Amino acid sequence: MTSQRELATLAGGCFWCLEAIFQQLRGVDQAQSGYAGGQAKNPSYEAVCTGTTGHAEVVQVTFDPSAITYNDLLDIFFTVHDPTTLNRQGPDTGTQYRSAVYYHSPEQKKAVEATIAKFTEDHVFDDPIVTEVTQLDVFYPAEEYHKDYYARNPNTGYCRTVVGPKVAKARKTFFDRLKK
């Protein structure tokens, strides 16, 4: 008996970071970098980087909800990026680096809103959460050279200083959810 797969589409800064983290989780079949939330059709990385397309860099996660829940993915997402900074994550600035959750169903929307409300009520963050919560319209996969970027380029400067520390934090915090 095969479990039904679900999708989660998340934006938390550079998609290389989120892809590298989510593809290590047990129950995640795929984490694919791409673009969502903009108005241009078939955007390129270069166009998205100009800030004129309206897209965010996202990761679309295909997961088995019997192995890892959507709420688990949200907890990880909100832990590995700063949802209180508008259009910025670390050294990356611009609307393409905004914090956003693109939900696929009314249930996912409720889960995101409940997670944000709980984190706000518990004062998990010093500043207000600015994560955009929007229904996914279209997901555009990123160019092939972005696929598995961190796994293929762990020693580049950006990967060593930005992606690597986020992956290490995720490994330390979520080691029980990693693939074996």
C-alpha atoms as a PDB file:
ATOM      1  CA  MET A   1       0.000   0.000   0.000  1.00  0.00           C
ATOM      2  CA  THR A   2       1.497   3.324  -1.118  1.00  0.00           C
ATOM      3  CA  SER A   3       0.809   6.482   0.826  1.00  0.00           C
ATOM      4  CA  GLN A   4      -0.526   9.546  -0.974  1.00  0.00           C
ATOM      5  CA  ARG A   5       2.069  12.299  -1.423  1.00  0.00           C
ATOM      6  CA  GLU A   6       1.478  15.976  -0.676  1.00  0.00           C
ATOM      7  CA  LEU A   7       3.202  19.197  -1.662  1.00  0.00           C
ATOM      8  CA  ALA A   8       4.459  22.100   0.418  1.00  0.00           C
ATOM      9  CA  THR A   9       5.820  25.254  -1.217  1.00  0.00           C
ATOM     10  CA  LEU A  10       7.968  27.440   1.022  1.00  0.00           C
ATOM     11  CA  ALA A  11      10.041  30.608   0.592  1.00  0.00           C
ATOM     12  CA  GLY A  12      12.635  31.438   3.212  1.00  0.00           C
ATOM     13  CA  GLY A  13      15.465  33.248   1.473  1.00  0.00           C
ATOM     14  CA  CYS A  14      17.823  31.546  -0.924  1.00  0.00           C
ATOM     15  CA  PHE A  15      16.314  28.320  -2.214  1.00  0.00           C
ATOM     16  CA  TRP A  16      19.657  26.533  -1.995  1.00  0.00           C
ATOM     17  CA  CYS A  17      19.386  26.642   1.816  1.00  0.00           C
ATOM     18  CA  LEU A  18      15.873  25.249   2.054  1.00  0.00           C
ATOM     19  CA  GLU A  19      16.489  22.619  -0.617  1.00  0.00           C
ATOM     20  CA  ALA A  20      19.591  21.327   1.194  1.00  0.00           C
ATOM     21  CA  ILE A  21      17.692  21.074   4.487  1.00  0.00           C
ATOM     22  CA  PHE A  22      14.411  19.570   3.315  1.00  0.00           C
ATOM     23  CA  GLN A  23      15.943  16.937   1.046  1.00  0.00           C
ATOM     24  CA  GLN A  24      17.629  15.384   4.094  1.00  0.00           C
ATOM     25  CA  LEU A  25      14.374  14.723   5.961  1.00  0.00           C
ATOM     26  CA  ARG A  26      12.826  11.306   6.330  1.00  0.00           C
ATOM     27  CA  GLY A  27       9.484  11.319   4.518  1.00  0.00           C
ATOM     28  CA  VAL A  28      10.577  13.897   1.934  1.00  0.00           C
ATOM     29  CA  ASP A  29      10.773  12.445  -1.561  1.00  0.00           C
ATOM     30  CA  GLN A  30      11.961  15.609  -3.284  1.00  0.00           C
ATOM     31  CA  ALA A  31      12.815  19.230  -2.538  1.00  0.00           C
ATOM     32  CA  GLN A  32      12.883  21.218  -5.762  1.00  0.00           C
ATOM     33  CA  SER A  33      14.071  24.800  -6.092  1.00  0.00           C
ATOM     34  CA  GLY A  34      11.897  27.154  -8.096  1.00  0.00           C
ATOM     35  CA  TYR A  35       9.873  30.336  -8.219  1.00  0.00           C
ATOM     36  CA  ALA A  36       6.352  31.279  -7.096  1.00  0.00           C
ATOM     37  CA  GLY A  37       4.254  34.273  -6.194  1.00  0.00           C
ATOM     38  CA  GLY A  38       4.981  36.502  -9.161  1.00  0.00           C
ATOM     39  CA  GLN A  39       3.257  37.655 -12.296  1.00  0.00           C
ATOM     40  CA  ALA A  40       5.790  36.807 -15.036  1.00  0.00           C
ATOM     41  CA  LYS A  41       5.369  33.507 -16.864  1.00  0.00           C
ATOM     42  CA  ASN A  42       8.362  31.128 -16.930  1.00  0.00           C
ATOM     43  CA  PRO A  43      10.709  33.438 -15.040  1.00  0.00           C
ATOM     44  CA  SER A  44      14.464  32.959 -15.180  1.00  0.00           C
ATOM     45  CA  TYR A  45      16.806  33.255 -12.224  1.00  0.00           C
ATOM     46  CA  GLU A  46      18.266  36.414 -13.724  1.00  0.00           C
ATOM     47  CA  ALA A  47      14.810  38.002 -14.095  1.00  0.00           C
ATOM     48  CA  VAL A  48      13.737  37.001 -10.572  1.00  0.00           C
ATOM     49  CA  CYS A  49      16.938  38.538  -9.168  1.00  0.00           C
ATOM     50  CA  THR A  50      15.973  41.920 -10.624  1.00  0.00           C
ATOM     51  CA  GLY A  51      12.919  41.993  -8.345  1.00  0.00           C
ATOM     52  CA  THR A  52      10.656  42.904 -11.264  1.00  0.00           C
ATOM     53  CA  THR A  53       8.857  39.557 -11.701  1.00  0.00           C
ATOM     54  CA  GLY A  54       7.338  39.483  -8.212  1.00  0.00           C
ATOM     55  CA  HIS A  55       8.501  35.911  -7.644  1.00  0.00           C
ATOM     56  CA  ALA A  56      10.089  34.513  -4.525  1.00  0.00           C
ATOM     57  CA  GLU A  57      12.748  31.833  -4.525  1.00  0.00           C
ATOM     58  CA  VAL A  58      10.903  28.770  -3.188  1.00  0.00           C
ATOM     59  CA  VAL A  59      11.355  25.111  -2.540  1.00  0.00           C
ATOM     60  CA  GLN A  60       8.539  22.749  -3.425  1.00  0.00           C
ATOM     61  CA  VAL A  61       8.630  19.739  -1.140  1.00  0.00           C
ATOM     62  CA  THR A  62       7.016  16.428  -2.101  1.00  0.00           C
ATOM     63  CA  PHE A  63       6.425  14.473   1.086  1.00  0.00           C
ATOM     64  CA  ASP A  64       4.748  11.431   2.580  1.00  0.00           C
ATOM     65  CA  PRO A  65       2.363  12.727   5.281  1.00  0.00           C
ATOM     66  CA  SER A  66       2.431   9.347   7.022  1.00  0.00           C
ATOM     67  CA  ALA A  67       6.190   9.818   7.599  1.00  0.00           C
ATOM     68  CA  ILE A  68       6.419  13.592   8.141  1.00  0.00           C
ATOM     69  CA  THR A  69       3.499  15.943   8.590  1.00  0.00           C
ATOM     70  CA  TYR A  70       2.874  19.329   7.058  1.00  0.00           C
ATOM     71  CA  ASN A  71       3.057  20.778  10.577  1.00  0.00           C
ATOM     72  CA  ASP A  72       6.498  19.173  10.988  1.00  0.00           C
ATOM     73  CA  LEU A  73       7.614  20.854   7.765  1.00  0.00           C
ATOM     74  CA  LEU A  74       6.276  24.192   9.018  1.00  0.00           C
ATOM     75  CA  ASP A  75       8.129  23.833  12.332  1.00  0.00           C
ATOM     76  CA  ILE A  76      11.361  23.165  10.463  1.00  0.00           C
ATOM     77  CA  PHE A  77      10.714  26.008   8.019  1.00  0.00           C
ATOM     78  CA  PHE A  78      10.115  28.562  10.774  1.00  0.00           C
ATOM     79  CA  THR A  79      13.214  27.359  12.652  1.00  0.00           C
ATOM     80  CA  VAL A  80      15.728  27.518   9.809  1.00  0.00           C
ATOM     81  CA  HIS A  81      14.981  31.020   8.547  1.00  0.00           C
ATOM     82  CA  ASP A  82      14.012  34.357  10.093  1.00  0.00           C
ATOM     83  CA  PRO A  83      10.307  34.945   9.432  1.00  0.00           C
ATOM     84  CA  THR A  84      10.496  38.426  10.967  1.00  0.00           C
ATOM     85  CA  THR A  85      12.645  40.114   8.334  1.00  0.00           C
ATOM     86  CA  LEU A  86      10.869  41.629   5.362  1.00  0.00           C
ATOM     87  CA  ASN A  87      12.428  40.802   1.990  1.00  0.00           C
ATOM     88  CA  ARG A  88      15.688  39.649   3.507  1.00  0.00           C
ATOM     89  CA  GLN A  89      17.486  36.589   4.805  1.00  0.00           C
ATOM     90  CA  GLY A  90      20.996  37.176   6.047  1.00  0.00           C
ATOM     91  CA  PRO A  91      23.063  38.767   3.290  1.00  0.00           C
ATOM     92  CA  ASP A  92      20.347  38.247   0.670  1.00  0.00           C
ATOM     93  CA  THR A  93      18.000  41.191   0.149  1.00  0.00           C
ATOM     94  CA  GLY A  94      15.091  41.779  -2.212  1.00  0.00           C
ATOM     95  CA  THR A  95      11.505  40.655  -2.581  1.00  0.00           C
ATOM     96  CA  GLN A  96      12.680  37.339  -4.049  1.00  0.00           C
ATOM     97  CA  TYR A  97      14.051  36.466  -0.578  1.00  0.00           C
ATOM     98  CA  ARG A  98      10.825  37.106   1.331  1.00  0.00           C
ATOM     99  CA  SER A  99       9.376  34.688   3.831  1.00  0.00           C
ATOM    100  CA  ALA A 100       6.276  33.053   2.371  1.00  0.00           C
ATOM    101  CA  VAL A 101       4.181  29.928   2.511  1.00  0.00           C
ATOM    102  CA  TYR A 102       2.242  29.083  -0.638  1.00  0.00           C
ATOM    103  CA  TYR A 103      -0.484  26.737   0.512  1.00  0.00           C
ATOM    104  CA  HIS A 104      -2.054  24.005  -1.613  1.00  0.00           C
ATOM    105  CA  SER A 105      -5.318  23.475   0.291  1.00  0.00           C
ATOM    106  CA  PRO A 106      -7.584  25.107   2.868  1.00  0.00           C
ATOM    107  CA  GLU A 107      -6.165  22.675   5.443  1.00  0.00           C
ATOM    108  CA  GLN A 108      -2.628  23.877   4.754  1.00  0.00           C
ATOM    109  CA  LYS A 109      -3.753  27.499   5.049  1.00  0.00           C
ATOM    110  CA  LYS A 110      -5.305  26.773   8.454  1.00  0.00           C
ATOM    111  CA  ALA A 111      -2.147  24.962   9.571  1.00  0.00           C
ATOM    112  CA  VAL A 112       0.093  27.891   8.570  1.00  0.00           C
ATOM    113  CA  GLU A 113      -2.156  30.440  10.243  1.00  0.00           C
ATOM    114  CA  ALA A 114      -2.299  28.313  13.411  1.00  0.00           C
ATOM    115  CA  THR A 115       1.493  27.930  13.448  1.00  0.00           C
ATOM    116  CA  ILE A 116       2.032  31.674  13.077  1.00  0.00           C
ATOM    117  CA  ALA A 117      -0.571  32.385  15.776  1.00  0.00           C
ATOM    118  CA  LYS A 118       1.066  29.894  18.159  1.00  0.00           C
ATOM    119  CA  PHE A 119       4.575  31.277  17.576  1.00  0.00           C
ATOM    120  CA  THR A 120       3.219  34.814  18.071  1.00  0.00           C
ATOM    121  CA  GLU A 121       1.328  33.877  21.251  1.00  0.00           C
ATOM    122  CA  ASP A 122       4.394  32.078  22.638  1.00  0.00           C
ATOM    123  CA  HIS A 123       6.679  35.032  21.745  1.00  0.00           C
ATOM    124  CA  VAL A 124       9.044  32.692  19.900  1.00  0.00           C
ATOM    125  CA  PHE A 125      10.437  35.668  17.969  1.00  0.00           C
ATOM    126  CA  ASP A 126      11.264  39.134  19.288  1.00  0.00           C
ATOM    127  CA  ASP A 127       9.729  40.833  16.245  1.00  0.00           C
ATOM    128  CA  PRO A 128       6.402  40.214  14.455  1.00  0.00           C
ATOM    129  CA  ILE A 129       6.262  37.417  11.883  1.00  0.00           C
ATOM    130  CA  VAL A 130       5.986  38.888   8.377  1.00  0.00           C
ATOM    131  CA  THR A 131       5.608  35.608   6.490  1.00  0.00           C
ATOM    132  CA  GLU A 132       3.278  35.960   3.518  1.00  0.00           C
ATOM    133  CA  VAL A 133       0.552  33.287   3.405  1.00  0.00           C
ATOM    134  CA  THR A 134      -0.843  32.906  -0.104  1.00  0.00           C
ATOM    135  CA  GLN A 135      -2.467  30.180  -2.150  1.00  0.00           C
ATOM    136  CA  LEU A 136      -0.053  28.769  -4.711  1.00  0.00           C
ATOM    137  CA  ASP A 137      -0.921  29.857  -8.220  1.00  0.00           C
ATOM    138  CA  VAL A 138       1.959  28.455 -10.267  1.00  0.00           C
ATOM    139  CA  PHE A 139       5.278  26.848  -9.361  1.00  0.00           C
ATOM    140  CA  TYR A 140       8.088  27.242 -11.877  1.00  0.00           C
ATOM    141  CA  PRO A 141      11.061  24.889 -11.420  1.00  0.00           C
ATOM    142  CA  ALA A 142      14.422  26.635 -11.289  1.00  0.00           C
ATOM    143  CA  GLU A 143      17.053  26.071 -13.914  1.00  0.00           C
ATOM    144  CA  GLU A 144      18.869  22.734 -13.809  1.00  0.00           C
ATOM    145  CA  TYR A 145      22.099  24.213 -12.429  1.00  0.00           C
ATOM    146  CA  HIS A 146      20.263  25.079  -9.176  1.00  0.00           C
ATOM    147  CA  LYS A 147      19.287  21.448  -8.527  1.00  0.00           C
ATOM    148  CA  ASP A 148      21.185  19.933  -5.582  1.00  0.00           C
ATOM    149  CA  TYR A 149      23.350  23.052  -5.550  1.00  0.00           C
ATOM    150  CA  TYR A 150      24.698  22.636  -2.027  1.00  0.00           C
ATOM    151  CA  ALA A 151      25.402  18.917  -2.475  1.00  0.00           C
ATOM    152  CA  ARG A 152      27.368  19.683  -5.661  1.00  0.00           C
ATOM    153  CA  ASN A 153      29.100  22.862  -4.422  1.00  0.00           C
ATOM    154  CA  PRO A 154      29.647  22.597  -0.648  1.00  0.00           C
ATOM    155  CA  ASN A 155      32.974  24.429  -0.729  1.00  0.00           C
ATOM    156  CA  THR A 156      31.926  27.593  -2.550  1.00  0.00           C
ATOM    157  CA  GLY A 157      32.053  30.705  -0.394  1.00  0.00           C
ATOM    158  CA  TYR A 158      28.271  31.161  -0.224  1.00  0.00           C
ATOM    159  CA  CYS A 159      27.665  27.512   0.615  1.00  0.00           C
ATOM    160  CA  ARG A 160      30.320  27.524   3.352  1.00  0.00           C
ATOM    161  CA  THR A 161      29.183  30.771   4.964  1.00  0.00           C
ATOM    162  CA  VAL A 162      25.402  30.746   4.436  1.00  0.00           C
ATOM    163  CA  VAL A 163      24.016  27.350   3.385  1.00  0.00           C
ATOM    164  CA  GLY A 164      26.335  25.171   5.480  1.00  0.00           C
ATOM    165  CA  PRO A 165      25.542  26.811   8.829  1.00  0.00           C
ATOM    166  CA  LYS A 166      21.794  26.544   8.167  1.00  0.00           C
ATOM    167  CA  VAL A 167      22.154  22.870   7.249  1.00  0.00           C
ATOM    168  CA  ALA A 168      24.231  22.279  10.402  1.00  0.00           C
ATOM    169  CA  LYS A 169      21.585  24.007  12.546  1.00  0.00           C
ATOM    170  CA  ALA A 170      18.870  21.869  10.982  1.00  0.00           C
ATOM    171  CA  ARG A 171      20.897  18.684  11.514  1.00  0.00           C
ATOM    172  CA  LYS A 172      21.447  19.551  15.161  1.00  0.00           C
ATOM    173  CA  THR A 173      17.842  20.593  15.801  1.00  0.00           C
ATOM    174  CA  PHE A 174      16.036  17.958  13.713  1.00  0.00           C
ATOM    175  CA  PHE A 175      18.472  15.024  13.801  1.00  0.00           C
ATOM    176  CA  ASP A 176      15.638  12.629  14.723  1.00  0.00           C
ATOM    177  CA  ARG A 177      13.835  13.427  11.443  1.00  0.00           C
ATOM    178  CA  LEU A 178      16.797  12.893   9.132  1.00  0.00           C
ATOM    179  CA  LYS A 179      16.884  10.109   6.575  1.00  0.00           C
ATOM    180  CA  LYS A 180      18.702   7.035   7.756  1.00  0.00           C
END
